[in-house]
Amino acid sequence: IDKKNPAALPFSALSKDLAINTLSVL
């Protein structure tokens, strides 16, 4: 992401990353 605009992180990208980074751990 743009370090100066982290709020622009797309929801779909965060959802994918959370599935890999956290939901897989659960």
PDB file of all heavy atoms in Angstrom:
ATOM      1  N   ILE A   1       0.842  -1.199   0.000  1.00  0.00           N
ATOM      2  CA  ILE A   1       0.000   0.000   0.000  1.00  0.00           C
ATOM      3  C   ILE A   1       0.874   1.245   0.000  1.00  0.00           C
ATOM      4  O   ILE A   1       2.076   1.182   0.227  1.00  0.00           O
ATOM      5  CB  ILE A   1      -0.926   0.044   1.237  1.00  0.00           C
ATOM      6  CG1 ILE A   1      -0.089   0.053   2.529  1.00  0.00           C
ATOM      7  CG2 ILE A   1      -1.926  -1.087   1.222  1.00  0.00           C
ATOM      8  CD1 ILE A   1      -0.864   0.413   3.763  1.00  0.00           C
ATOM      9  N   ASP A   2       0.241   2.381  -0.222  1.00  0.00           N
ATOM     10  CA  ASP A   2       0.907   3.675  -0.111  1.00  0.00           C
ATOM     11  C   ASP A   2       1.078   3.965   1.375  1.00  0.00           C
ATOM     12  O   ASP A   2       0.098   4.121   2.103  1.00  0.00           O
ATOM     13  CB  ASP A   2       0.045   4.748  -0.781  1.00  0.00           C
ATOM     14  CG  ASP A   2       0.614   6.148  -0.684  1.00  0.00           C
ATOM     15  OD1 ASP A   2       1.654   6.346   0.002  1.00  0.00           O
ATOM     16  OD2 ASP A   2       0.022   7.044  -1.294  1.00  0.00           O
ATOM     17  N   LYS A   3       2.330   4.042   1.837  1.00  0.00           N
ATOM     18  CA  LYS A   3       2.614   4.262   3.256  1.00  0.00           C
ATOM     19  C   LYS A   3       2.015   5.567   3.777  1.00  0.00           C
ATOM     20  O   LYS A   3       1.745   5.694   4.962  1.00  0.00           O
ATOM     21  CB  LYS A   3       4.115   4.269   3.501  1.00  0.00           C
ATOM     22  CG  LYS A   3       4.783   2.954   3.247  1.00  0.00           C
ATOM     23  CD  LYS A   3       6.281   3.074   3.425  1.00  0.00           C
ATOM     24  CE  LYS A   3       6.968   1.804   2.997  1.00  0.00           C
ATOM     25  NZ  LYS A   3       8.415   1.914   3.126  1.00  0.00           N
ATOM     26  N   LYS A   4       1.792   6.513   2.900  1.00  0.00           N
ATOM     27  CA  LYS A   4       1.237   7.805   3.328  1.00  0.00           C
ATOM     28  C   LYS A   4      -0.285   7.814   3.300  1.00  0.00           C
ATOM     29  O   LYS A   4      -0.911   8.772   3.723  1.00  0.00           O
ATOM     30  CB  LYS A   4       1.784   8.922   2.438  1.00  0.00           C
ATOM     31  CG  LYS A   4       3.283   9.083   2.603  1.00  0.00           C
ATOM     32  CD  LYS A   4       3.808  10.229   1.783  1.00  0.00           C
ATOM     33  CE  LYS A   4       5.313  10.210   1.904  1.00  0.00           C
ATOM     34  NZ  LYS A   4       5.897  11.449   2.164  1.00  0.00           N
ATOM     35  N   ASN A   5      -0.879   6.713   2.819  1.00  0.00           N
ATOM     36  CA  ASN A   5      -2.329   6.621   2.763  1.00  0.00           C
ATOM     37  C   ASN A   5      -2.782   5.189   3.079  1.00  0.00           C
ATOM     38  O   ASN A   5      -3.398   4.530   2.247  1.00  0.00           O
ATOM     39  CB  ASN A   5      -2.839   7.067   1.382  1.00  0.00           C
ATOM     40  CG  ASN A   5      -4.347   7.179   1.353  1.00  0.00           C
ATOM     41  OD1 ASN A   5      -5.007   7.259   2.393  1.00  0.00           O
ATOM     42  ND2 ASN A   5      -4.922   7.174   0.160  1.00  0.00           N
ATOM     43  N   PRO A   6      -2.481   4.713   4.298  1.00  0.00           N
ATOM     44  CA  PRO A   6      -2.843   3.324   4.619  1.00  0.00           C
ATOM     45  C   PRO A   6      -4.348   3.074   4.630  1.00  0.00           C
ATOM     46  O   PRO A   6      -4.778   1.935   4.454  1.00  0.00           O
ATOM     47  CB  PRO A   6      -2.218   3.099   5.995  1.00  0.00           C
ATOM     48  CG  PRO A   6      -2.003   4.454   6.566  1.00  0.00           C
ATOM     49  CD  PRO A   6      -1.791   5.377   5.396  1.00  0.00           C
ATOM     50  N   ALA A   7      -5.152   4.116   4.784  1.00  0.00           N
ATOM     51  CA  ALA A   7      -6.606   3.932   4.785  1.00  0.00           C
ATOM     52  C   ALA A   7      -7.122   3.484   3.426  1.00  0.00           C
ATOM     53  O   ALA A   7      -8.256   3.007   3.321  1.00  0.00           O
ATOM     54  CB  ALA A   7      -7.304   5.226   5.204  1.00  0.00           C
ATOM     55  N   ALA A   8      -6.293   3.584   2.406  1.00  0.00           N
ATOM     56  CA  ALA A   8      -6.704   3.179   1.062  1.00  0.00           C
ATOM     57  C   ALA A   8      -6.549   1.677   0.825  1.00  0.00           C
ATOM     58  O   ALA A   8      -6.811   1.207  -0.284  1.00  0.00           O
ATOM     59  CB  ALA A   8      -5.904   3.954   0.016  1.00  0.00           C
ATOM     60  N   LEU A   9      -6.152   0.930   1.855  1.00  0.00           N
ATOM     61  CA  LEU A   9      -6.047  -0.521   1.701  1.00  0.00           C
ATOM     62  C   LEU A   9      -7.410  -1.069   1.294  1.00  0.00           C
ATOM     63  O   LEU A   9      -8.400  -0.895   2.020  1.00  0.00           O
ATOM     64  CB  LEU A   9      -5.603  -1.160   3.025  1.00  0.00           C
ATOM     65  CG  LEU A   9      -5.580  -2.685   3.088  1.00  0.00           C
ATOM     66  CD1 LEU A   9      -4.556  -3.264   2.124  1.00  0.00           C
ATOM     67  CD2 LEU A   9      -5.297  -3.149   4.512  1.00  0.00           C
ATOM     68  N   PRO A  10      -7.497  -1.718   0.144  1.00  0.00           N
ATOM     69  CA  PRO A  10      -8.797  -2.252  -0.282  1.00  0.00           C
ATOM     70  C   PRO A  10      -9.310  -3.328   0.678  1.00  0.00           C
ATOM     71  O   PRO A  10      -8.554  -4.203   1.108  1.00  0.00           O
ATOM     72  CB  PRO A  10      -8.504  -2.851  -1.655  1.00  0.00           C
ATOM     73  CG  PRO A  10      -7.242  -2.204  -2.110  1.00  0.00           C
ATOM     74  CD  PRO A  10      -6.456  -1.923  -0.860  1.00  0.00           C
ATOM     75  N   PHE A  11     -10.584  -3.256   0.992  1.00  0.00           N
ATOM     76  CA  PHE A  11     -11.204  -4.226   1.884  1.00  0.00           C
ATOM     77  C   PHE A  11     -11.007  -5.643   1.372  1.00  0.00           C
ATOM     78  O   PHE A  11     -10.716  -6.559   2.141  1.00  0.00           O
ATOM     79  CB  PHE A  11     -12.694  -3.915   2.051  1.00  0.00           C
ATOM     80  CG  PHE A  11     -13.404  -4.879   2.958  1.00  0.00           C
ATOM     81  CD1 PHE A  11     -13.300  -4.759   4.331  1.00  0.00           C
ATOM     82  CD2 PHE A  11     -14.154  -5.924   2.435  1.00  0.00           C
ATOM     83  CE1 PHE A  11     -13.935  -5.654   5.176  1.00  0.00           C
ATOM     84  CE2 PHE A  11     -14.792  -6.821   3.274  1.00  0.00           C
ATOM     85  CZ  PHE A  11     -14.690  -6.692   4.639  1.00  0.00           C
ATOM     86  N   SER A  12     -11.134  -5.843   0.071  1.00  0.00           N
ATOM     87  CA  SER A  12     -10.991  -7.184  -0.494  1.00  0.00           C
ATOM     88  C   SER A  12      -9.576  -7.727  -0.282  1.00  0.00           C
ATOM     89  O   SER A  12      -9.396  -8.916  -0.027  1.00  0.00           O
ATOM     90  CB  SER A  12     -11.348  -7.187  -1.983  1.00  0.00           C
ATOM     91  OG  SER A  12     -10.488  -6.302  -2.690  1.00  0.00           O
ATOM     92  N   ALA A  13      -8.580  -6.862  -0.373  1.00  0.00           N
ATOM     93  CA  ALA A  13      -7.193  -7.289  -0.157  1.00  0.00           C
ATOM     94  C   ALA A  13      -6.969  -7.643   1.312  1.00  0.00           C
ATOM     95  O   ALA A  13      -6.324  -8.651   1.627  1.00  0.00           O
ATOM     96  CB  ALA A  13      -6.228  -6.194  -0.598  1.00  0.00           C
ATOM     97  N   LEU A  14      -7.490  -6.809   2.219  1.00  0.00           N
ATOM     98  CA  LEU A  14      -7.354  -7.099   3.642  1.00  0.00           C
ATOM     99  C   LEU A  14      -8.055  -8.405   3.988  1.00  0.00           C
ATOM    100  O   LEU A  14      -7.530  -9.231   4.741  1.00  0.00           O
ATOM    101  CB  LEU A  14      -7.920  -5.956   4.495  1.00  0.00           C
ATOM    102  CG  LEU A  14      -7.889  -6.192   6.003  1.00  0.00           C
ATOM    103  CD1 LEU A  14      -6.462  -6.407   6.513  1.00  0.00           C
ATOM    104  CD2 LEU A  14      -8.547  -5.028   6.728  1.00  0.00           C
ATOM    105  N   SER A  15      -9.213  -8.622   3.423  1.00  0.00           N
ATOM    106  CA  SER A  15      -9.962  -9.852   3.674  1.00  0.00           C
ATOM    107  C   SER A  15      -9.154 -11.070   3.227  1.00  0.00           C
ATOM    108  O   SER A  15      -9.058 -12.069   3.949  1.00  0.00           O
ATOM    109  CB  SER A  15     -11.298  -9.788   2.935  1.00  0.00           C
ATOM    110  OG  SER A  15     -12.053 -10.929   3.181  1.00  0.00           O
ATOM    111  N   LYS A  16      -8.541 -10.998   2.058  1.00  0.00           N
ATOM    112  CA  LYS A  16      -7.705 -12.099   1.558  1.00  0.00           C
ATOM    113  C   LYS A  16      -6.513 -12.313   2.483  1.00  0.00           C
ATOM    114  O   LYS A  16      -6.209 -13.447   2.866  1.00  0.00           O
ATOM    115  CB  LYS A  16      -7.215 -11.791   0.147  1.00  0.00           C
ATOM    116  CG  LYS A  16      -6.216 -12.801  -0.414  1.00  0.00           C
ATOM    117  CD  LYS A  16      -5.556 -12.346  -1.702  1.00  0.00           C
ATOM    118  CE  LYS A  16      -4.695 -11.139  -1.560  1.00  0.00           C
ATOM    119  NZ  LYS A  16      -3.353 -11.302  -1.013  1.00  0.00           N
ATOM    120  N   ASP A  17      -5.842 -11.226   2.865  1.00  0.00           N
ATOM    121  CA  ASP A  17      -4.670 -11.339   3.729  1.00  0.00           C
ATOM    122  C   ASP A  17      -5.025 -11.894   5.103  1.00  0.00           C
ATOM    123  O   ASP A  17      -4.292 -12.709   5.660  1.00  0.00           O
ATOM    124  CB  ASP A  17      -3.970  -9.985   3.864  1.00  0.00           C
ATOM    125  CG  ASP A  17      -3.327  -9.524   2.553  1.00  0.00           C
ATOM    126  OD1 ASP A  17      -3.277 -10.292   1.580  1.00  0.00           O
ATOM    127  OD2 ASP A  17      -2.885  -8.351   2.518  1.00  0.00           O
ATOM    128  N   LEU A  18      -6.165 -11.473   5.652  1.00  0.00           N
ATOM    129  CA  LEU A  18      -6.592 -12.001   6.951  1.00  0.00           C
ATOM    130  C   LEU A  18      -6.926 -13.493   6.878  1.00  0.00           C
ATOM    131  O   LEU A  18      -6.674 -14.233   7.824  1.00  0.00           O
ATOM    132  CB  LEU A  18      -7.783 -11.222   7.501  1.00  0.00           C
ATOM    133  CG  LEU A  18      -7.440  -9.899   8.172  1.00  0.00           C
ATOM    134  CD1 LEU A  18      -8.712  -9.138   8.538  1.00  0.00           C
ATOM    135  CD2 LEU A  18      -6.594 -10.122   9.412  1.00  0.00           C
ATOM    136  N   ALA A  19      -7.467 -13.912   5.749  1.00  0.00           N
ATOM    137  CA  ALA A  19      -7.753 -15.339   5.588  1.00  0.00           C
ATOM    138  C   ALA A  19      -6.453 -16.145   5.655  1.00  0.00           C
ATOM    139  O   ALA A  19      -6.392 -17.205   6.283  1.00  0.00           O
ATOM    140  CB  ALA A  19      -8.477 -15.594   4.267  1.00  0.00           C
ATOM    141  N   ILE A  20      -5.401 -15.618   5.045  1.00  0.00           N
ATOM    142  CA  ILE A  20      -4.113 -16.306   5.051  1.00  0.00           C
ATOM    143  C   ILE A  20      -3.426 -16.155   6.400  1.00  0.00           C
ATOM    144  O   ILE A  20      -2.939 -17.129   6.978  1.00  0.00           O
ATOM    145  CB  ILE A  20      -3.216 -15.761   3.915  1.00  0.00           C
ATOM    146  CG1 ILE A  20      -3.817 -16.136   2.556  1.00  0.00           C
ATOM    147  CG2 ILE A  20      -1.778 -16.277   4.052  1.00  0.00           C
ATOM    148  CD1 ILE A  20      -3.218 -15.383   1.384  1.00  0.00           C
ATOM    149  N   ASN A  21      -3.376 -14.934   6.928  1.00  0.00           N
ATOM    150  CA  ASN A  21      -2.579 -14.632   8.122  1.00  0.00           C
ATOM    151  C   ASN A  21      -3.227 -15.025   9.443  1.00  0.00           C
ATOM    152  O   ASN A  21      -2.510 -15.255  10.417  1.00  0.00           O
ATOM    153  CB  ASN A  21      -2.250 -13.137   8.166  1.00  0.00           C
ATOM    154  CG  ASN A  21      -1.369 -12.700   7.025  1.00  0.00           C
ATOM    155  OD1 ASN A  21      -0.610 -13.474   6.466  1.00  0.00           O
ATOM    156  ND2 ASN A  21      -1.460 -11.436   6.660  1.00  0.00           N
ATOM    157  N   THR A  22      -4.542 -15.068   9.497  1.00  0.00           N
ATOM    158  CA  THR A  22      -5.209 -15.296  10.779  1.00  0.00           C
ATOM    159  C   THR A  22      -6.220 -16.436  10.746  1.00  0.00           C
ATOM    160  O   THR A  22      -6.182 -17.302  11.618  1.00  0.00           O
ATOM    161  CB  THR A  22      -5.894 -14.000  11.258  1.00  0.00           C
ATOM    162  OG1 THR A  22      -4.902 -12.969  11.346  1.00  0.00           O
ATOM    163  CG2 THR A  22      -6.548 -14.180  12.608  1.00  0.00           C
ATOM    164  N   LEU A  23      -7.087 -16.436   9.766  1.00  0.00           N
ATOM    165  CA  LEU A  23      -8.107 -17.490   9.731  1.00  0.00           C
ATOM    166  C   LEU A  23      -7.480 -18.869   9.557  1.00  0.00           C
ATOM    167  O   LEU A  23      -7.960 -19.851  10.134  1.00  0.00           O
ATOM    168  CB  LEU A  23      -9.138 -17.209   8.646  1.00  0.00           C
ATOM    169  CG  LEU A  23      -9.914 -15.891   8.815  1.00  0.00           C
ATOM    170  CD1 LEU A  23     -10.925 -15.725   7.692  1.00  0.00           C
ATOM    171  CD2 LEU A  23     -10.581 -15.822  10.181  1.00  0.00           C
ATOM    172  N   SER A  24      -6.389 -18.945   8.806  1.00  0.00           N
ATOM    173  CA  SER A  24      -5.698 -20.229   8.657  1.00  0.00           C
ATOM    174  C   SER A  24      -5.116 -20.697   9.991  1.00  0.00           C
ATOM    175  O   SER A  24      -5.066 -21.899  10.265  1.00  0.00           O
ATOM    176  CB  SER A  24      -4.594 -20.139   7.602  1.00  0.00           C
ATOM    177  OG  SER A  24      -3.571 -19.251   8.020  1.00  0.00           O
ATOM    178  N   VAL A  25      -4.702 -19.749  10.839  1.00  0.00           N
ATOM    179  CA  VAL A  25      -4.164 -20.095  12.153  1.00  0.00           C
ATOM    180  C   VAL A  25      -5.279 -20.650  13.041  1.00  0.00           C
ATOM    181  O   VAL A  25      -5.079 -21.626  13.771  1.00  0.00           O
ATOM    182  CB  VAL A  25      -3.476 -18.888  12.822  1.00  0.00           C
ATOM    183  CG1 VAL A  25      -2.944 -19.253  14.200  1.00  0.00           C
ATOM    184  CG2 VAL A  25      -2.349 -18.362  11.940  1.00  0.00           C
ATOM    185  N   LEU A  26      -6.456 -20.052  12.966  1.00  0.00           N
ATOM    186  CA  LEU A  26      -7.592 -20.571  13.730  1.00  0.00           C
ATOM    187  C   LEU A  26      -7.918 -21.992  13.290  1.00  0.00           C
ATOM    188  O   LEU A  26      -8.151 -22.872  14.126  1.00  0.00           O
ATOM    189  CB  LEU A  26      -8.808 -19.653  13.570  1.00  0.00           C
ATOM    190  CG  LEU A  26     -10.081 -20.109  14.279  1.00  0.00           C
ATOM    191  CD1 LEU A  26      -9.863 -20.252  15.781  1.00  0.00           C
ATOM    192  CD2 LEU A  26     -11.216 -19.133  13.988  1.00  0.00           C
TER     193      LEU A  26
END
